[in-house]
PDB file of N, CA and C in Angstrom:
ATOM      1  N   MET A   1      99.679 134.851 114.483  1.00  0.00           N
ATOM      2  CA  MET A   1      98.339 134.877 113.944  1.00  0.00           C
ATOM      3  C   MET A   1      97.364 135.074 115.100  1.00  0.00           C
ATOM      4  N   ASP A   2      96.977 136.290 115.314  1.00  0.00           N
ATOM      5  CA  ASP A   2      96.067 136.573 116.406  1.00  0.00           C
ATOM      6  C   ASP A   2      94.616 136.367 116.018  1.00  0.00           C
ATOM      7  N   LYS A   3      94.320 136.525 114.740  1.00  0.00           N
ATOM      8  CA  LYS A   3      92.939 136.364 114.300  1.00  0.00           C
ATOM      9  C   LYS A   3      92.711 134.927 113.853  1.00  0.00           C
ATOM     10  N   PRO A   4      91.628 134.301 114.315  1.00  0.00           N
ATOM     11  CA  PRO A   4      91.330 132.942 113.839  1.00  0.00           C
ATOM     12  C   PRO A   4      90.919 132.966 112.373  1.00  0.00           C
ATOM     13  N   LEU A   5      91.301 131.929 111.669  1.00  0.00           N
ATOM     14  CA  LEU A   5      90.902 131.786 110.278  1.00  0.00           C
ATOM     15  C   LEU A   5      89.513 131.175 110.257  1.00  0.00           C
ATOM     16  N   GLY A   6      88.713 131.547 109.330  1.00  0.00           N
ATOM     17  CA  GLY A   6      87.379 130.970 109.285  1.00  0.00           C
ATOM     18  C   GLY A   6      86.886 130.860 107.858  1.00  0.00           C
ATOM     19  N   LYS A   7      85.999 129.921 107.652  1.00  0.00           N
ATOM     20  CA  LYS A   7      85.364 129.749 106.352  1.00  0.00           C
ATOM     21  C   LYS A   7      83.917 129.388 106.634  1.00  0.00           C
ATOM     22  N   SER A   8      83.013 130.066 105.983  1.00  0.00           N
ATOM     23  CA  SER A   8      81.616 129.757 106.241  1.00  0.00           C
ATOM     24  C   SER A   8      80.884 129.523 104.934  1.00  0.00           C
ATOM     25  N   SER A   9      79.917 128.659 105.003  1.00  0.00           N
ATOM     26  CA  SER A   9      79.083 128.349 103.857  1.00  0.00           C
ATOM     27  C   SER A   9      77.678 128.103 104.384  1.00  0.00           C
ATOM     28  N   GLY A  10      76.767 128.958 104.048  1.00  0.00           N
ATOM     29  CA  GLY A  10      75.413 128.811 104.564  1.00  0.00           C
ATOM     30  C   GLY A  10      75.403 128.985 106.064  1.00  0.00           C
ATOM     31  N   GLU A  11      74.968 127.979 106.770  1.00  0.00           N
ATOM     32  CA  GLU A  11      74.913 128.038 108.226  1.00  0.00           C
ATOM     33  C   GLU A  11      76.070 127.312 108.888  1.00  0.00           C
ATOM     34  N   ILE A  12      77.018 126.797 108.096  1.00  0.00           N
ATOM     35  CA  ILE A  12      78.143 126.047 108.647  1.00  0.00           C
ATOM     36  C   ILE A  12      79.351 126.976 108.728  1.00  0.00           C
ATOM     37  N   THR A  13      79.955 127.061 109.908  1.00  0.00           N
ATOM     38  CA  THR A  13      81.145 127.885 110.103  1.00  0.00           C
ATOM     39  C   THR A  13      82.242 127.030 110.711  1.00  0.00           C
ATOM     40  N   ILE A  14      83.431 127.107 110.126  1.00  0.00           N
ATOM     41  CA  ILE A  14      84.582 126.372 110.638  1.00  0.00           C
ATOM     42  C   ILE A  14      85.631 127.396 111.033  1.00  0.00           C
ATOM     43  N   ASP A  15      86.026 127.400 112.294  1.00  0.00           N
ATOM     44  CA  ASP A  15      87.074 128.294 112.778  1.00  0.00           C
ATOM     45  C   ASP A  15      88.295 127.476 113.131  1.00  0.00           C
ATOM     46  N   VAL A  16      89.455 127.946 112.700  1.00  0.00           N
ATOM     47  CA  VAL A  16      90.710 127.281 113.003  1.00  0.00           C
ATOM     48  C   VAL A  16      91.579 128.269 113.776  1.00  0.00           C
ATOM     49  N   HIS A  17      91.998 127.873 114.970  1.00  0.00           N
ATOM     50  CA  HIS A  17      92.851 128.728 115.783  1.00  0.00           C
ATOM     51  C   HIS A  17      94.274 128.177 115.731  1.00  0.00           C
ATOM     52  N   LEU A  18      95.203 128.995 115.250  1.00  0.00           N
ATOM     53  CA  LEU A  18      96.573 128.545 115.072  1.00  0.00           C
ATOM     54  C   LEU A  18      97.530 129.174 116.079  1.00  0.00           C
ATOM     55  N   ASN A  19      96.993 129.833 117.097  1.00  0.00           N
ATOM     56  CA  ASN A  19      97.851 130.452 118.100  1.00  0.00           C
ATOM     57  C   ASN A  19      98.727 129.395 118.766  1.00  0.00           C
ATOM     58  N   GLY A  20     100.023 129.644 118.818  1.00  0.00           N
ATOM     59  CA  GLY A  20     100.946 128.732 119.487  1.00  0.00           C
ATOM     60  C   GLY A  20     101.400 127.558 118.639  1.00  0.00           C
ATOM     61  N   LEU A  21     100.893 127.424 117.437  1.00  0.00           N
ATOM     62  CA  LEU A  21     101.266 126.281 116.598  1.00  0.00           C
ATOM     63  C   LEU A  21     102.738 126.306 116.241  1.00  0.00           C
ATOM     64  N   ASP A  22     103.266 127.474 115.921  1.00  0.00           N
ATOM     65  CA  ASP A  22     104.694 127.588 115.585  1.00  0.00           C
ATOM     66  C   ASP A  22     105.560 127.142 116.757  1.00  0.00           C
ATOM     67  N   LYS A  23     105.168 127.517 117.957  1.00  0.00           N
ATOM     68  CA  LYS A  23     105.916 127.146 119.154  1.00  0.00           C
ATOM     69  C   LYS A  23     105.886 125.627 119.364  1.00  0.00           C
ATOM     70  N   GLN A  24     104.730 125.022 119.155  1.00  0.00           N
ATOM     71  CA  GLN A  24     104.600 123.571 119.306  1.00  0.00           C
ATOM     72  C   GLN A  24     105.412 122.830 118.254  1.00  0.00           C
ATOM     73  N   LEU A  25     105.425 123.340 117.024  1.00  0.00           N
ATOM     74  CA  LEU A  25     106.217 122.708 115.963  1.00  0.00           C
ATOM     75  C   LEU A  25     107.705 122.808 116.269  1.00  0.00           C
ATOM     76  N   ALA A  26     108.141 123.935 116.798  1.00  0.00           N
ATOM     77  CA  ALA A  26     109.550 124.095 117.159  1.00  0.00           C
ATOM     78  C   ALA A  26     109.932 123.113 118.257  1.00  0.00           C
ATOM     79  N   LYS A  27     109.055 122.923 119.239  1.00  0.00           N
ATOM     80  CA  LYS A  27     109.318 121.967 120.316  1.00  0.00           C
ATOM     81  C   LYS A  27     109.372 120.538 119.772  1.00  0.00           C
ATOM     82  N   ALA A  28     108.491 120.230 118.838  1.00  0.00           N
ATOM     83  CA  ALA A  28     108.475 118.890 118.240  1.00  0.00           C
ATOM     84  C   ALA A  28     109.765 118.634 117.456  1.00  0.00           C
ATOM     85  N   LYS A  29     110.227 119.636 116.710  1.00  0.00           N
ATOM     86  CA  LYS A  29     111.476 119.484 115.954  1.00  0.00           C
ATOM     87  C   LYS A  29     112.661 119.311 116.906  1.00  0.00           C
ATOM     88  N   GLU A  30     112.646 120.041 118.013  1.00  0.00           N
ATOM     89  CA  GLU A  30     113.711 119.907 119.011  1.00  0.00           C
ATOM     90  C   GLU A  30     113.706 118.507 119.617  1.00  0.00           C
ATOM     91  N   LEU A  31     112.517 117.978 119.872  1.00  0.00           N
ATOM     92  CA  LEU A  31     112.404 116.626 120.415  1.00  0.00           C
ATOM     93  C   LEU A  31     112.932 115.596 119.421  1.00  0.00           C
ATOM     94  N   VAL A  32     112.620 115.763 118.147  1.00  0.00           N
ATOM     95  CA  VAL A  32     113.116 114.847 117.112  1.00  0.00           C
ATOM     96  C   VAL A  32     114.642 114.887 117.063  1.00  0.00           C
ATOM     97  N   ASP A  33     115.211 116.092 117.138  1.00  0.00           N
ATOM     98  CA  ASP A  33     116.674 116.217 117.132  1.00  0.00           C
ATOM     99  C   ASP A  33     117.288 115.524 118.349  1.00  0.00           C
ATOM    100  N   THR A  34     116.665 115.687 119.504  1.00  0.00           N
ATOM    101  CA  THR A  34     117.161 115.047 120.726  1.00  0.00           C
ATOM    102  C   THR A  34     117.108 113.531 120.596  1.00  0.00           C
ATOM    103  N   ILE A  35     116.041 113.014 120.036  1.00  0.00           N
ATOM    104  CA  ILE A  35     115.900 111.567 119.848  1.00  0.00           C
ATOM    105  C   ILE A  35     116.968 111.053 118.876  1.00  0.00           C
ATOM    106  N   LYS A  36     117.227 111.798 117.810  1.00  0.00           N
ATOM    107  CA  LYS A  36     118.260 111.387 116.842  1.00  0.00           C
ATOM    108  C   LYS A  36     119.633 111.353 117.503  1.00  0.00           C
ATOM    109  N   LYS A  37     119.929 112.355 118.346  1.00  0.00           N
ATOM    110  CA  LYS A  37     121.213 112.386 119.044  1.00  0.00           C
ATOM    111  C   LYS A  37     121.326 111.210 120.015  1.00  0.00           C
ATOM    112  N   ALA A  38     120.251 110.919 120.728  1.00  0.00           N
ATOM    113  CA  ALA A  38     120.257 109.800 121.671  1.00  0.00           C
ATOM    114  C   ALA A  38     120.451 108.479 120.934  1.00  0.00           C
ATOM    115  N   ARG A  39     119.815 108.325 119.791  1.00  0.00           N
ATOM    116  CA  ARG A  39     119.960 107.102 118.993  1.00  0.00           C
ATOM    117  C   ARG A  39     121.404 106.951 118.521  1.00  0.00           C
ATOM    118  N   SER A  40     122.003 108.064 118.101  1.00  0.00           N
ATOM    119  CA  SER A  40     123.394 108.038 117.651  1.00  0.00           C
ATOM    120  C   SER A  40     124.324 107.653 118.803  1.00  0.00           C
ATOM    121  N   LEU A  41     124.097 108.231 119.977  1.00  0.00           N
ATOM    122  CA  LEU A  41     124.911 107.880 121.142  1.00  0.00           C
ATOM    123  C   LEU A  41     124.743 106.407 121.514  1.00  0.00           C
ATOM    124  N   ALA A  42     123.525 105.900 121.421  1.00  0.00           N
ATOM    125  CA  ALA A  42     123.280 104.486 121.725  1.00  0.00           C
ATOM    126  C   ALA A  42     124.002 103.593 120.730  1.00  0.00           C
ATOM    127  N   ASP A  43     123.998 103.988 119.460  1.00  0.00           N
ATOM    128  CA  ASP A  43     124.721 103.215 118.439  1.00  0.00           C
ATOM    129  C   ASP A  43     126.222 103.222 118.717  1.00  0.00           C
ATOM    130  N   ASP A  44     126.763 104.393 119.108  1.00  0.00           N
ATOM    131  CA  ASP A  44     128.186 104.489 119.444  1.00  0.00           C
ATOM    132  C   ASP A  44     128.528 103.603 120.637  1.00  0.00           C
ATOM    133  N   LEU A  45     127.658 103.603 121.636  1.00  0.00           N
ATOM    134  CA  LEU A  45     127.884 102.772 122.818  1.00  0.00           C
ATOM    135  C   LEU A  45     127.835 101.288 122.460  1.00  0.00           C
ATOM    136  N   ALA A  46     126.892 100.908 121.638  1.00  0.00           N
ATOM    137  CA  ALA A  46     126.786  99.511 121.216  1.00  0.00           C
ATOM    138  C   ALA A  46     128.046  99.084 120.455  1.00  0.00           C
ATOM    139  N   GLN A  47     128.547  99.952 119.602  1.00  0.00           N
ATOM    140  CA  GLN A  47     129.769  99.643 118.851  1.00  0.00           C
ATOM    141  C   GLN A  47     130.953  99.505 119.793  1.00  0.00           C
ATOM    142  N   ALA A  48     131.047 100.395 120.771  1.00  0.00           N
ATOM    143  CA  ALA A  48     132.142 100.316 121.751  1.00  0.00           C
ATOM    144  C   ALA A  48     132.066  99.024 122.550  1.00  0.00           C
ATOM    145  N   MET A  49     130.853  98.623 122.919  1.00  0.00           N
ATOM    146  CA  MET A  49     130.681  97.365 123.662  1.00  0.00           C
ATOM    147  C   MET A  49     131.110  96.170 122.814  1.00  0.00           C
ATOM    148  N   GLU A  50     130.741  96.194 121.543  1.00  0.00           N
ATOM    149  CA  GLU A  50     131.146  95.085 120.643  1.00  0.00           C
ATOM    150  C   GLU A  50     132.662  95.037 120.515  1.00  0.00           C
ATOM    151  N   ASN A  51     133.307  96.192 120.434  1.00  0.00           N
ATOM    152  CA  ASN A  51     134.765  96.228 120.324  1.00  0.00           C
ATOM    153  C   ASN A  51     135.406  95.683 121.591  1.00  0.00           C
ATOM    154  N   LEU A  52     134.866  96.030 122.745  1.00  0.00           N
ATOM    155  CA  LEU A  52     135.396  95.515 124.009  1.00  0.00           C
ATOM    156  C   LEU A  52     135.241  93.998 124.102  1.00  0.00           C
ATOM    157  N   GLU A  53     134.082  93.507 123.680  1.00  0.00           N
ATOM    158  CA  GLU A  53     133.834  92.071 123.733  1.00  0.00           C
ATOM    159  C   GLU A  53     134.775  91.330 122.788  1.00  0.00           C
ATOM    160  N   ALA A  54     135.082  91.939 121.655  1.00  0.00           N
ATOM    161  CA  ALA A  54     135.966  91.301 120.680  1.00  0.00           C
ATOM    162  C   ALA A  54     137.400  91.209 121.218  1.00  0.00           C
ATOM    163  N   GLU A  55     137.782  92.175 122.057  1.00  0.00           N
ATOM    164  CA  GLU A  55     139.126  92.173 122.610  1.00  0.00           C
ATOM    165  C   GLU A  55     139.284  91.144 123.731  1.00  0.00           C
ATOM    166  N   VAL A  56     138.198  90.789 124.366  1.00  0.00           N
ATOM    167  CA  VAL A  56     138.282  89.859 125.525  1.00  0.00           C
ATOM    168  C   VAL A  56     138.275  88.457 125.081  1.00  0.00           C
TER     169      VAL A  56
END
């Protein structure tokens, strides 16, 4: 979207620039996926630690 979106009424004009928004959303989704993977790994590690403690 190279052209800004705009809406005007009387003397009030609102311009919205969406350049780069898709890229930022993709980065945010990638970050969420990374956080989910890290949480899963932490849960796996916690379970492994509990199993080790139970054996001792």
